[in-house]
Amino acid sequence: PDKLKLNTDLTKGLGQILAVSEGYPELKSSENFLQLSRDLFQ
């Protein structure tokens, strides 16, 4: 149950981090960020 709760909270936080990236064109075009985003979506 604690893992389920923690991962629910992490999902919320990751959504916020990915939303933050919208305001940073350099971040969105960073190869590291793009690869990590693809990995995360997978």
PDB file of all heavy atoms in Angstrom:
ATOM      1  N   PRO A   1       0.813  -1.227   0.000  1.00  0.00           N
ATOM      2  CA  PRO A   1       0.000   0.000   0.000  1.00  0.00           C
ATOM      3  C   PRO A   1       0.844   1.275   0.000  1.00  0.00           C
ATOM      4  O   PRO A   1       0.488   2.255  -0.649  1.00  0.00           O
ATOM      5  CB  PRO A   1      -0.821  -0.107   1.291  1.00  0.00           C
ATOM      6  CG  PRO A   1      -0.853  -1.566   1.609  1.00  0.00           C
ATOM      7  CD  PRO A   1       0.453  -2.112   1.109  1.00  0.00           C
ATOM      8  N   ASP A   2       1.985   1.263   0.713  1.00  0.00           N
ATOM      9  CA  ASP A   2       2.856   2.443   0.727  1.00  0.00           C
ATOM     10  C   ASP A   2       3.487   2.685  -0.646  1.00  0.00           C
ATOM     11  O   ASP A   2       3.648   3.832  -1.065  1.00  0.00           O
ATOM     12  CB  ASP A   2       3.944   2.300   1.799  1.00  0.00           C
ATOM     13  CG  ASP A   2       3.393   2.413   3.209  1.00  0.00           C
ATOM     14  OD1 ASP A   2       2.278   2.951   3.379  1.00  0.00           O
ATOM     15  OD2 ASP A   2       4.072   1.947   4.144  1.00  0.00           O
ATOM     16  N   LYS A   3       3.841   1.608  -1.343  1.00  0.00           N
ATOM     17  CA  LYS A   3       4.382   1.756  -2.699  1.00  0.00           C
ATOM     18  C   LYS A   3       3.326   2.337  -3.629  1.00  0.00           C
ATOM     19  O   LYS A   3       3.628   3.197  -4.457  1.00  0.00           O
ATOM     20  CB  LYS A   3       4.860   0.407  -3.235  1.00  0.00           C
ATOM     21  CG  LYS A   3       6.171  -0.056  -2.647  1.00  0.00           C
ATOM     22  CD  LYS A   3       6.603  -1.386  -3.236  1.00  0.00           C
ATOM     23  CE  LYS A   3       7.918  -1.839  -2.629  1.00  0.00           C
ATOM     24  NZ  LYS A   3       8.369  -3.137  -3.186  1.00  0.00           N
ATOM     25  N   LEU A   4       2.085   1.875  -3.488  1.00  0.00           N
ATOM     26  CA  LEU A   4       1.013   2.401  -4.323  1.00  0.00           C
ATOM     27  C   LEU A   4       0.816   3.890  -4.075  1.00  0.00           C
ATOM     28  O   LEU A   4       0.700   4.685  -5.014  1.00  0.00           O
ATOM     29  CB  LEU A   4      -0.287   1.635  -4.067  1.00  0.00           C
ATOM     30  CG  LEU A   4      -0.292   0.154  -4.452  1.00  0.00           C
ATOM     31  CD1 LEU A   4      -1.604  -0.500  -4.032  1.00  0.00           C
ATOM     32  CD2 LEU A   4      -0.044  -0.041  -5.929  1.00  0.00           C
ATOM     33  N   LYS A   5       0.792   4.303  -2.814  1.00  0.00           N
ATOM     34  CA  LYS A   5       0.606   5.718  -2.451  1.00  0.00           C
ATOM     35  C   LYS A   5       1.780   6.563  -2.943  1.00  0.00           C
ATOM     36  O   LYS A   5       1.589   7.626  -3.541  1.00  0.00           O
ATOM     37  CB  LYS A   5       0.474   5.834  -0.922  1.00  0.00           C
ATOM     38  CG  LYS A   5       0.549   7.247  -0.381  1.00  0.00           C
ATOM     39  CD  LYS A   5      -0.762   7.975  -0.478  1.00  0.00           C
ATOM     40  CE  LYS A   5      -0.757   9.300   0.251  1.00  0.00           C
ATOM     41  NZ  LYS A   5      -0.341  10.419  -0.536  1.00  0.00           N
ATOM     42  N   LEU A   6       3.011   6.093  -2.695  1.00  0.00           N
ATOM     43  CA  LEU A   6       4.197   6.827  -3.116  1.00  0.00           C
ATOM     44  C   LEU A   6       4.198   7.015  -4.630  1.00  0.00           C
ATOM     45  O   LEU A   6       4.491   8.110  -5.129  1.00  0.00           O
ATOM     46  CB  LEU A   6       5.469   6.099  -2.670  1.00  0.00           C
ATOM     47  CG  LEU A   6       6.780   6.719  -3.136  1.00  0.00           C
ATOM     48  CD1 LEU A   6       6.978   8.103  -2.528  1.00  0.00           C
ATOM     49  CD2 LEU A   6       7.950   5.820  -2.780  1.00  0.00           C
ATOM     50  N   ASN A   7       3.856   5.979  -5.374  1.00  0.00           N
ATOM     51  CA  ASN A   7       3.878   6.096  -6.827  1.00  0.00           C
ATOM     52  C   ASN A   7       2.760   6.977  -7.352  1.00  0.00           C
ATOM     53  O   ASN A   7       2.924   7.637  -8.372  1.00  0.00           O
ATOM     54  CB  ASN A   7       3.875   4.710  -7.470  1.00  0.00           C
ATOM     55  CG  ASN A   7       5.274   4.146  -7.497  1.00  0.00           C
ATOM     56  OD1 ASN A   7       6.105   4.596  -8.270  1.00  0.00           O
ATOM     57  ND2 ASN A   7       5.567   3.210  -6.610  1.00  0.00           N
ATOM     58  N   THR A   8       1.660   7.042  -6.659  1.00  0.00           N
ATOM     59  CA  THR A   8       0.608   7.986  -7.029  1.00  0.00           C
ATOM     60  C   THR A   8       1.125   9.413  -6.860  1.00  0.00           C
ATOM     61  O   THR A   8       0.941  10.265  -7.741  1.00  0.00           O
ATOM     62  CB  THR A   8      -0.646   7.747  -6.159  1.00  0.00           C
ATOM     63  OG1 THR A   8      -1.132   6.434  -6.421  1.00  0.00           O
ATOM     64  CG2 THR A   8      -1.728   8.766  -6.451  1.00  0.00           C
ATOM     65  N   ASP A   9       1.801   9.682  -5.738  1.00  0.00           N
ATOM     66  CA  ASP A   9       2.374  11.010  -5.489  1.00  0.00           C
ATOM     67  C   ASP A   9       3.471  11.342  -6.501  1.00  0.00           C
ATOM     68  O   ASP A   9       3.573  12.480  -6.975  1.00  0.00           O
ATOM     69  CB  ASP A   9       2.924  11.102  -4.069  1.00  0.00           C
ATOM     70  CG  ASP A   9       1.831  11.012  -3.008  1.00  0.00           C
ATOM     71  OD1 ASP A   9       0.643  11.190  -3.350  1.00  0.00           O
ATOM     72  OD2 ASP A   9       2.172  10.742  -1.838  1.00  0.00           O
ATOM     73  N   LEU A  10       4.294  10.349  -6.839  1.00  0.00           N
ATOM     74  CA  LEU A  10       5.362  10.573  -7.828  1.00  0.00           C
ATOM     75  C   LEU A  10       4.789  10.888  -9.200  1.00  0.00           C
ATOM     76  O   LEU A  10       5.313  11.750  -9.919  1.00  0.00           O
ATOM     77  CB  LEU A  10       6.272   9.344  -7.920  1.00  0.00           C
ATOM     78  CG  LEU A  10       7.399   9.280  -6.915  1.00  0.00           C
ATOM     79  CD1 LEU A  10       8.117   7.945  -7.018  1.00  0.00           C
ATOM     80  CD2 LEU A  10       8.380  10.414  -7.094  1.00  0.00           C
ATOM     81  N   THR A  11       3.735  10.207  -9.569  1.00  0.00           N
ATOM     82  CA  THR A  11       3.108  10.464 -10.865  1.00  0.00           C
ATOM     83  C   THR A  11       2.639  11.909 -10.943  1.00  0.00           C
ATOM     84  O   THR A  11       2.823  12.586 -11.958  1.00  0.00           O
ATOM     85  CB  THR A  11       1.931   9.498 -11.092  1.00  0.00           C
ATOM     86  OG1 THR A  11       2.449   8.166 -11.102  1.00  0.00           O
ATOM     87  CG2 THR A  11       1.217   9.777 -12.395  1.00  0.00           C
ATOM     88  N   LYS A  12       2.060  12.386  -9.868  1.00  0.00           N
ATOM     89  CA  LYS A  12       1.612  13.782  -9.803  1.00  0.00           C
ATOM     90  C   LYS A  12       2.813  14.723  -9.971  1.00  0.00           C
ATOM     91  O   LYS A  12       2.773  15.664 -10.760  1.00  0.00           O
ATOM     92  CB  LYS A  12       0.920  14.038  -8.468  1.00  0.00           C
ATOM     93  CG  LYS A  12       0.434  15.437  -8.282  1.00  0.00           C
ATOM     94  CD  LYS A  12      -0.226  15.601  -6.923  1.00  0.00           C
ATOM     95  CE  LYS A  12      -0.611  17.032  -6.657  1.00  0.00           C
ATOM     96  NZ  LYS A  12      -1.129  17.220  -5.309  1.00  0.00           N
ATOM     97  N   GLY A  13       3.896  14.468  -9.244  1.00  0.00           N
ATOM     98  CA  GLY A  13       5.095  15.301  -9.324  1.00  0.00           C
ATOM     99  C   GLY A  13       5.743  15.268 -10.690  1.00  0.00           C
ATOM    100  O   GLY A  13       6.179  16.300 -11.210  1.00  0.00           O
ATOM    101  N   LEU A  14       5.798  14.084 -11.300  1.00  0.00           N
ATOM    102  CA  LEU A  14       6.385  13.981 -12.636  1.00  0.00           C
ATOM    103  C   LEU A  14       5.552  14.739 -13.661  1.00  0.00           C
ATOM    104  O   LEU A  14       6.101  15.366 -14.570  1.00  0.00           O
ATOM    105  CB  LEU A  14       6.524  12.510 -13.041  1.00  0.00           C
ATOM    106  CG  LEU A  14       7.621  11.736 -12.328  1.00  0.00           C
ATOM    107  CD1 LEU A  14       7.545  10.258 -12.680  1.00  0.00           C
ATOM    108  CD2 LEU A  14       8.991  12.291 -12.663  1.00  0.00           C
ATOM    109  N   GLY A  15       4.245  14.684 -13.508  1.00  0.00           N
ATOM    110  CA  GLY A  15       3.377  15.452 -14.402  1.00  0.00           C
ATOM    111  C   GLY A  15       3.669  16.936 -14.301  1.00  0.00           C
ATOM    112  O   GLY A  15       3.698  17.650 -15.308  1.00  0.00           O
ATOM    113  N   GLN A  16       3.911  17.398 -13.079  1.00  0.00           N
ATOM    114  CA  GLN A  16       4.230  18.813 -12.879  1.00  0.00           C
ATOM    115  C   GLN A  16       5.581  19.163 -13.496  1.00  0.00           C
ATOM    116  O   GLN A  16       5.742  20.219 -14.110  1.00  0.00           O
ATOM    117  CB  GLN A  16       4.212  19.154 -11.389  1.00  0.00           C
ATOM    118  CG  GLN A  16       2.826  19.114 -10.790  1.00  0.00           C
ATOM    119  CD  GLN A  16       2.831  19.232  -9.277  1.00  0.00           C
ATOM    120  OE1 GLN A  16       3.830  18.983  -8.617  1.00  0.00           O
ATOM    121  NE2 GLN A  16       1.682  19.591  -8.723  1.00  0.00           N
ATOM    122  N   ILE A  17       6.563  18.282 -13.326  1.00  0.00           N
ATOM    123  CA  ILE A  17       7.892  18.537 -13.914  1.00  0.00           C
ATOM    124  C   ILE A  17       7.799  18.588 -15.434  1.00  0.00           C
ATOM    125  O   ILE A  17       8.378  19.463 -16.076  1.00  0.00           O
ATOM    126  CB  ILE A  17       8.918  17.475 -13.460  1.00  0.00           C
ATOM    127  CG1 ILE A  17       9.343  17.759 -12.020  1.00  0.00           C
ATOM    128  CG2 ILE A  17      10.128  17.440 -14.377  1.00  0.00           C
ATOM    129  CD1 ILE A  17      10.341  16.784 -11.447  1.00  0.00           C
ATOM    130  N   LEU A  18       7.059  17.652 -16.018  1.00  0.00           N
ATOM    131  CA  LEU A  18       6.925  17.653 -17.473  1.00  0.00           C
ATOM    132  C   LEU A  18       6.152  18.878 -17.945  1.00  0.00           C
ATOM    133  O   LEU A  18       6.453  19.437 -19.002  1.00  0.00           O
ATOM    134  CB  LEU A  18       6.273  16.357 -17.949  1.00  0.00           C
ATOM    135  CG  LEU A  18       7.134  15.110 -17.751  1.00  0.00           C
ATOM    136  CD1 LEU A  18       6.352  13.859 -18.100  1.00  0.00           C
ATOM    137  CD2 LEU A  18       8.422  15.181 -18.565  1.00  0.00           C
ATOM    138  N   ALA A  19       5.188  19.330 -17.170  1.00  0.00           N
ATOM    139  CA  ALA A  19       4.457  20.552 -17.520  1.00  0.00           C
ATOM    140  C   ALA A  19       5.383  21.765 -17.448  1.00  0.00           C
ATOM    141  O   ALA A  19       5.284  22.678 -18.275  1.00  0.00           O
ATOM    142  CB  ALA A  19       3.254  20.723 -16.597  1.00  0.00           C
ATOM    143  N   VAL A  20       6.288  21.793 -16.475  1.00  0.00           N
ATOM    144  CA  VAL A  20       7.257  22.885 -16.331  1.00  0.00           C
ATOM    145  C   VAL A  20       8.126  22.990 -17.582  1.00  0.00           C
ATOM    146  O   VAL A  20       8.487  24.084 -18.018  1.00  0.00           O
ATOM    147  CB  VAL A  20       8.137  22.651 -15.075  1.00  0.00           C
ATOM    148  CG1 VAL A  20       9.419  23.461 -15.123  1.00  0.00           C
ATOM    149  CG2 VAL A  20       7.348  22.963 -13.818  1.00  0.00           C
ATOM    150  N   SER A  21       8.439  21.853 -18.176  1.00  0.00           N
ATOM    151  CA  SER A  21       9.326  21.852 -19.344  1.00  0.00           C
ATOM    152  C   SER A  21       8.750  22.650 -20.508  1.00  0.00           C
ATOM    153  O   SER A  21       9.491  23.118 -21.363  1.00  0.00           O
ATOM    154  CB  SER A  21       9.620  20.417 -19.790  1.00  0.00           C
ATOM    155  OG  SER A  21       8.470  19.832 -20.376  1.00  0.00           O
ATOM    156  N   GLU A  22       7.423  22.820 -20.532  1.00  0.00           N
ATOM    157  CA  GLU A  22       6.791  23.587 -21.604  1.00  0.00           C
ATOM    158  C   GLU A  22       7.297  25.028 -21.660  1.00  0.00           C
ATOM    159  O   GLU A  22       7.330  25.636 -22.713  1.00  0.00           O
ATOM    160  CB  GLU A  22       5.266  23.574 -21.437  1.00  0.00           C
ATOM    161  CG  GLU A  22       4.620  22.256 -21.759  1.00  0.00           C
ATOM    162  CD  GLU A  22       4.831  21.834 -23.190  1.00  0.00           C
ATOM    163  OE1 GLU A  22       4.515  22.615 -24.117  1.00  0.00           O
ATOM    164  OE2 GLU A  22       5.346  20.721 -23.394  1.00  0.00           O
ATOM    165  N   GLY A  23       7.690  25.577 -20.519  1.00  0.00           N
ATOM    166  CA  GLY A  23       8.155  26.965 -20.475  1.00  0.00           C
ATOM    167  C   GLY A  23       9.631  27.134 -20.797  1.00  0.00           C
ATOM    168  O   GLY A  23      10.138  28.252 -20.717  1.00  0.00           O
ATOM    169  N   TYR A  24      10.314  26.065 -21.128  1.00  0.00           N
ATOM    170  CA  TYR A  24      11.760  26.121 -21.365  1.00  0.00           C
ATOM    171  C   TYR A  24      12.102  25.456 -22.698  1.00  0.00           C
ATOM    172  O   TYR A  24      12.382  24.262 -22.768  1.00  0.00           O
ATOM    173  CB  TYR A  24      12.512  25.417 -20.222  1.00  0.00           C
ATOM    174  CG  TYR A  24      12.269  26.075 -18.893  1.00  0.00           C
ATOM    175  CD1 TYR A  24      11.209  25.675 -18.085  1.00  0.00           C
ATOM    176  CD2 TYR A  24      13.073  27.115 -18.448  1.00  0.00           C
ATOM    177  CE1 TYR A  24      10.963  26.290 -16.870  1.00  0.00           C
ATOM    178  CE2 TYR A  24      12.829  27.733 -17.234  1.00  0.00           C
ATOM    179  CZ  TYR A  24      11.774  27.315 -16.455  1.00  0.00           C
ATOM    180  OH  TYR A  24      11.532  27.927 -15.255  1.00  0.00           O
ATOM    181  N   PRO A  25      12.109  26.237 -23.782  1.00  0.00           N
ATOM    182  CA  PRO A  25      12.396  25.666 -25.104  1.00  0.00           C
ATOM    183  C   PRO A  25      13.756  24.959 -25.161  1.00  0.00           C
ATOM    184  O   PRO A  25      13.891  23.933 -25.825  1.00  0.00           O
ATOM    185  CB  PRO A  25      12.373  26.877 -26.042  1.00  0.00           C
ATOM    186  CG  PRO A  25      11.634  27.930 -25.300  1.00  0.00           C
ATOM    187  CD  PRO A  25      11.812  27.652 -23.845  1.00  0.00           C
ATOM    188  N   GLU A  26      14.763  25.518 -24.428  1.00  0.00           N
ATOM    189  CA  GLU A  26      16.094  24.872 -24.452  1.00  0.00           C
ATOM    190  C   GLU A  26      16.030  23.496 -23.798  1.00  0.00           C
ATOM    191  O   GLU A  26      16.691  22.555 -24.231  1.00  0.00           O
ATOM    192  CB  GLU A  26      17.170  25.663 -23.712  1.00  0.00           C
ATOM    193  CG  GLU A  26      17.167  27.147 -23.617  1.00  0.00           C
ATOM    194  CD  GLU A  26      16.089  27.792 -22.776  1.00  0.00           C
ATOM    195  OE1 GLU A  26      16.030  27.626 -21.557  1.00  0.00           O
ATOM    196  OE2 GLU A  26      15.306  28.513 -23.385  1.00  0.00           O
ATOM    197  N   LEU A  27      15.243  23.399 -22.740  1.00  0.00           N
ATOM    198  CA  LEU A  27      15.087  22.114 -22.050  1.00  0.00           C
ATOM    199  C   LEU A  27      14.375  21.121 -22.961  1.00  0.00           C
ATOM    200  O   LEU A  27      14.813  19.979 -23.100  1.00  0.00           O
ATOM    201  CB  LEU A  27      14.294  22.297 -20.750  1.00  0.00           C
ATOM    202  CG  LEU A  27      13.895  21.024 -19.995  1.00  0.00           C
ATOM    203  CD1 LEU A  27      15.116  20.228 -19.573  1.00  0.00           C
ATOM    204  CD2 LEU A  27      13.060  21.378 -18.762  1.00  0.00           C
ATOM    205  N   LYS A  28      13.290  21.562 -23.595  1.00  0.00           N
ATOM    206  CA  LYS A  28      12.531  20.674 -24.471  1.00  0.00           C
ATOM    207  C   LYS A  28      13.361  20.184 -25.649  1.00  0.00           C
ATOM    208  O   LYS A  28      13.097  19.113 -26.188  1.00  0.00           O
ATOM    209  CB  LYS A  28      11.286  21.388 -24.982  1.00  0.00           C
ATOM    210  CG  LYS A  28      10.202  21.488 -23.943  1.00  0.00           C
ATOM    211  CD  LYS A  28       9.013  22.276 -24.440  1.00  0.00           C
ATOM    212  CE  LYS A  28       8.481  21.761 -25.734  1.00  0.00           C
ATOM    213  NZ  LYS A  28       7.306  22.472 -26.209  1.00  0.00           N
ATOM    214  N   SER A  29      14.359  20.940 -26.054  1.00  0.00           N
ATOM    215  CA  SER A  29      15.181  20.520 -27.187  1.00  0.00           C
ATOM    216  C   SER A  29      16.446  19.779 -26.748  1.00  0.00           C
ATOM    217  O   SER A  29      17.181  19.282 -27.585  1.00  0.00           O
ATOM    218  CB  SER A  29      15.547  21.729 -28.049  1.00  0.00           C
ATOM    219  OG  SER A  29      16.363  22.621 -27.306  1.00  0.00           O
ATOM    220  N   SER A  30      16.679  19.688 -25.449  1.00  0.00           N
ATOM    221  CA  SER A  30      17.848  18.970 -24.931  1.00  0.00           C
ATOM    222  C   SER A  30      17.727  17.484 -25.243  1.00  0.00           C
ATOM    223  O   SER A  30      16.705  16.858 -24.958  1.00  0.00           O
ATOM    224  CB  SER A  30      17.957  19.173 -23.417  1.00  0.00           C
ATOM    225  OG  SER A  30      18.748  18.173 -22.831  1.00  0.00           O
ATOM    226  N   GLU A  31      18.763  16.916 -25.818  1.00  0.00           N
ATOM    227  CA  GLU A  31      18.739  15.490 -26.179  1.00  0.00           C
ATOM    228  C   GLU A  31      18.551  14.614 -24.941  1.00  0.00           C
ATOM    229  O   GLU A  31      17.813  13.636 -24.982  1.00  0.00           O
ATOM    230  CB  GLU A  31      20.014  15.098 -26.945  1.00  0.00           C
ATOM    231  CG  GLU A  31      19.970  13.693 -27.508  1.00  0.00           C
ATOM    232  CD  GLU A  31      18.758  13.414 -28.404  1.00  0.00           C
ATOM    233  OE1 GLU A  31      18.386  14.275 -29.219  1.00  0.00           O
ATOM    234  OE2 GLU A  31      18.175  12.320 -28.276  1.00  0.00           O
ATOM    235  N   ASN A  32      19.217  14.983 -23.834  1.00  0.00           N
ATOM    236  CA  ASN A  32      19.042  14.207 -22.592  1.00  0.00           C
ATOM    237  C   ASN A  32      17.586  14.222 -22.138  1.00  0.00           C
ATOM    238  O   ASN A  32      17.026  13.191 -21.776  1.00  0.00           O
ATOM    239  CB  ASN A  32      19.918  14.759 -21.460  1.00  0.00           C
ATOM    240  CG  ASN A  32      21.356  14.340 -21.578  1.00  0.00           C
ATOM    241  OD1 ASN A  32      21.680  13.414 -22.313  1.00  0.00           O
ATOM    242  ND2 ASN A  32      22.220  15.019 -20.860  1.00  0.00           N
ATOM    243  N   PHE A  33      16.990  15.404 -22.146  1.00  0.00           N
ATOM    244  CA  PHE A  33      15.596  15.534 -21.719  1.00  0.00           C
ATOM    245  C   PHE A  33      14.674  14.761 -22.654  1.00  0.00           C
ATOM    246  O   PHE A  33      13.763  14.059 -22.206  1.00  0.00           O
ATOM    247  CB  PHE A  33      15.172  17.003 -21.640  1.00  0.00           C
ATOM    248  CG  PHE A  33      13.754  17.170 -21.196  1.00  0.00           C
ATOM    249  CD1 PHE A  33      13.412  17.019 -19.854  1.00  0.00           C
ATOM    250  CD2 PHE A  33      12.747  17.457 -22.113  1.00  0.00           C
ATOM    251  CE1 PHE A  33      12.095  17.158 -19.439  1.00  0.00           C
ATOM    252  CE2 PHE A  33      11.439  17.593 -21.696  1.00  0.00           C
ATOM    253  CZ  PHE A  33      11.103  17.441 -20.361  1.00  0.00           C
ATOM    254  N   LEU A  34      14.901  14.883 -23.951  1.00  0.00           N
ATOM    255  CA  LEU A  34      14.059  14.168 -24.917  1.00  0.00           C
ATOM    256  C   LEU A  34      14.152  12.657 -24.718  1.00  0.00           C
ATOM    257  O   LEU A  34      13.130  11.959 -24.726  1.00  0.00           O
ATOM    258  CB  LEU A  34      14.446  14.553 -26.348  1.00  0.00           C
ATOM    259  CG  LEU A  34      14.089  15.980 -26.761  1.00  0.00           C
ATOM    260  CD1 LEU A  34      14.683  16.296 -28.132  1.00  0.00           C
ATOM    261  CD2 LEU A  34      12.588  16.171 -26.757  1.00  0.00           C
ATOM    262  N   GLN A  35      15.367  12.146 -24.528  1.00  0.00           N
ATOM    263  CA  GLN A  35      15.531  10.699 -24.335  1.00  0.00           C
ATOM    264  C   GLN A  35      14.902  10.251 -23.012  1.00  0.00           C
ATOM    265  O   GLN A  35      14.209   9.235 -22.971  1.00  0.00           O
ATOM    266  CB  GLN A  35      17.020  10.303 -24.362  1.00  0.00           C
ATOM    267  CG  GLN A  35      17.243   8.800 -24.257  1.00  0.00           C
ATOM    268  CD  GLN A  35      16.561   8.026 -25.380  1.00  0.00           C
ATOM    269  OE1 GLN A  35      16.694   8.359 -26.551  1.00  0.00           O
ATOM    270  NE2 GLN A  35      15.811   7.007 -25.016  1.00  0.00           N
ATOM    271  N   LEU A  36      15.135  11.016 -21.957  1.00  0.00           N
ATOM    272  CA  LEU A  36      14.524  10.669 -20.665  1.00  0.00           C
ATOM    273  C   LEU A  36      13.000  10.738 -20.745  1.00  0.00           C
ATOM    274  O   LEU A  36      12.312   9.892 -20.169  1.00  0.00           O
ATOM    275  CB  LEU A  36      15.040  11.598 -19.564  1.00  0.00           C
ATOM    276  CG  LEU A  36      16.487  11.357 -19.132  1.00  0.00           C
ATOM    277  CD1 LEU A  36      16.965  12.513 -18.257  1.00  0.00           C
ATOM    278  CD2 LEU A  36      16.617  10.039 -18.402  1.00  0.00           C
ATOM    279  N   SER A  37      12.466  11.714 -21.449  1.00  0.00           N
ATOM    280  CA  SER A  37      11.017  11.821 -21.616  1.00  0.00           C
ATOM    281  C   SER A  37      10.465  10.623 -22.376  1.00  0.00           C
ATOM    282  O   SER A  37       9.438  10.054 -21.994  1.00  0.00           O
ATOM    283  CB  SER A  37      10.649  13.102 -22.353  1.00  0.00           C
ATOM    284  OG  SER A  37      10.988  14.222 -21.587  1.00  0.00           O
ATOM    285  N   ARG A  38      11.153  10.218 -23.446  1.00  0.00           N
ATOM    286  CA  ARG A  38      10.718   9.030 -24.201  1.00  0.00           C
ATOM    287  C   ARG A  38      10.754   7.790 -23.310  1.00  0.00           C
ATOM    288  O   ARG A  38       9.810   6.998 -23.304  1.00  0.00           O
ATOM    289  CB  ARG A  38      11.598   8.824 -25.437  1.00  0.00           C
ATOM    290  CG  ARG A  38      11.276   9.757 -26.584  1.00  0.00           C
ATOM    291  CD  ARG A  38      12.002   9.342 -27.852  1.00  0.00           C
ATOM    292  NE  ARG A  38      13.435   9.554 -27.761  1.00  0.00           N
ATOM    293  CZ  ARG A  38      14.072  10.647 -28.156  1.00  0.00           C
ATOM    294  NH1 ARG A  38      13.390  11.643 -28.684  1.00  0.00           N
ATOM    295  NH2 ARG A  38      15.377  10.751 -28.045  1.00  0.00           N
ATOM    296  N   ASP A  39      11.846   7.642 -22.561  1.00  0.00           N
ATOM    297  CA  ASP A  39      11.966   6.498 -21.652  1.00  0.00           C
ATOM    298  C   ASP A  39      10.854   6.511 -20.607  1.00  0.00           C
ATOM    299  O   ASP A  39      10.260   5.478 -20.298  1.00  0.00           O
ATOM    300  CB  ASP A  39      13.328   6.491 -20.947  1.00  0.00           C
ATOM    301  CG  ASP A  39      14.486   6.214 -21.897  1.00  0.00           C
ATOM    302  OD1 ASP A  39      14.253   5.808 -23.054  1.00  0.00           O
ATOM    303  OD2 ASP A  39      15.640   6.438 -21.468  1.00  0.00           O
ATOM    304  N   LEU A  40      10.596   7.690 -20.079  1.00  0.00           N
ATOM    305  CA  LEU A  40       9.562   7.820 -19.055  1.00  0.00           C
ATOM    306  C   LEU A  40       8.183   7.504 -19.629  1.00  0.00           C
ATOM    307  O   LEU A  40       7.393   6.790 -18.998  1.00  0.00           O
ATOM    308  CB  LEU A  40       9.584   9.226 -18.455  1.00  0.00           C
ATOM    309  CG  LEU A  40       8.621   9.466 -17.300  1.00  0.00           C
ATOM    310  CD1 LEU A  40       8.941   8.550 -16.125  1.00  0.00           C
ATOM    311  CD2 LEU A  40       8.684  10.921 -16.862  1.00  0.00           C
ATOM    312  N   PHE A  41       7.872   7.998 -20.810  1.00  0.00           N
ATOM    313  CA  PHE A  41       6.573   7.702 -21.421  1.00  0.00           C
ATOM    314  C   PHE A  41       6.427   6.209 -21.701  1.00  0.00           C
ATOM    315  O   PHE A  41       5.348   5.641 -21.516  1.00  0.00           O
ATOM    316  CB  PHE A  41       6.362   8.521 -22.695  1.00  0.00           C
ATOM    317  CG  PHE A  41       6.013   9.956 -22.426  1.00  0.00           C
ATOM    318  CD1 PHE A  41       6.814  10.981 -22.890  1.00  0.00           C
ATOM    319  CD2 PHE A  41       4.884  10.289 -21.679  1.00  0.00           C
ATOM    320  CE1 PHE A  41       6.506  12.301 -22.625  1.00  0.00           C
ATOM    321  CE2 PHE A  41       4.564  11.611 -21.414  1.00  0.00           C
ATOM    322  CZ  PHE A  41       5.372  12.621 -21.884  1.00  0.00           C
ATOM    323  N   GLN A  42       7.517   5.562 -22.123  1.00  0.00           N
ATOM    324  CA  GLN A  42       7.465   4.113 -22.362  1.00  0.00           C
ATOM    325  C   GLN A  42       7.211   3.362 -21.050  1.00  0.00           C
ATOM    326  O   GLN A  42       6.373   2.473 -20.997  1.00  0.00           O
ATOM    327  CB  GLN A  42       8.765   3.626 -22.992  1.00  0.00           C
ATOM    328  CG  GLN A  42       8.760   2.138 -23.245  1.00  0.00           C
ATOM    329  CD  GLN A  42      10.066   1.643 -23.839  1.00  0.00           C
ATOM    330  OE1 GLN A  42      10.946   2.428 -24.187  1.00  0.00           O
ATOM    331  NE2 GLN A  42      10.193   0.337 -23.958  1.00  0.00           N
TER     332      GLN A  42
END
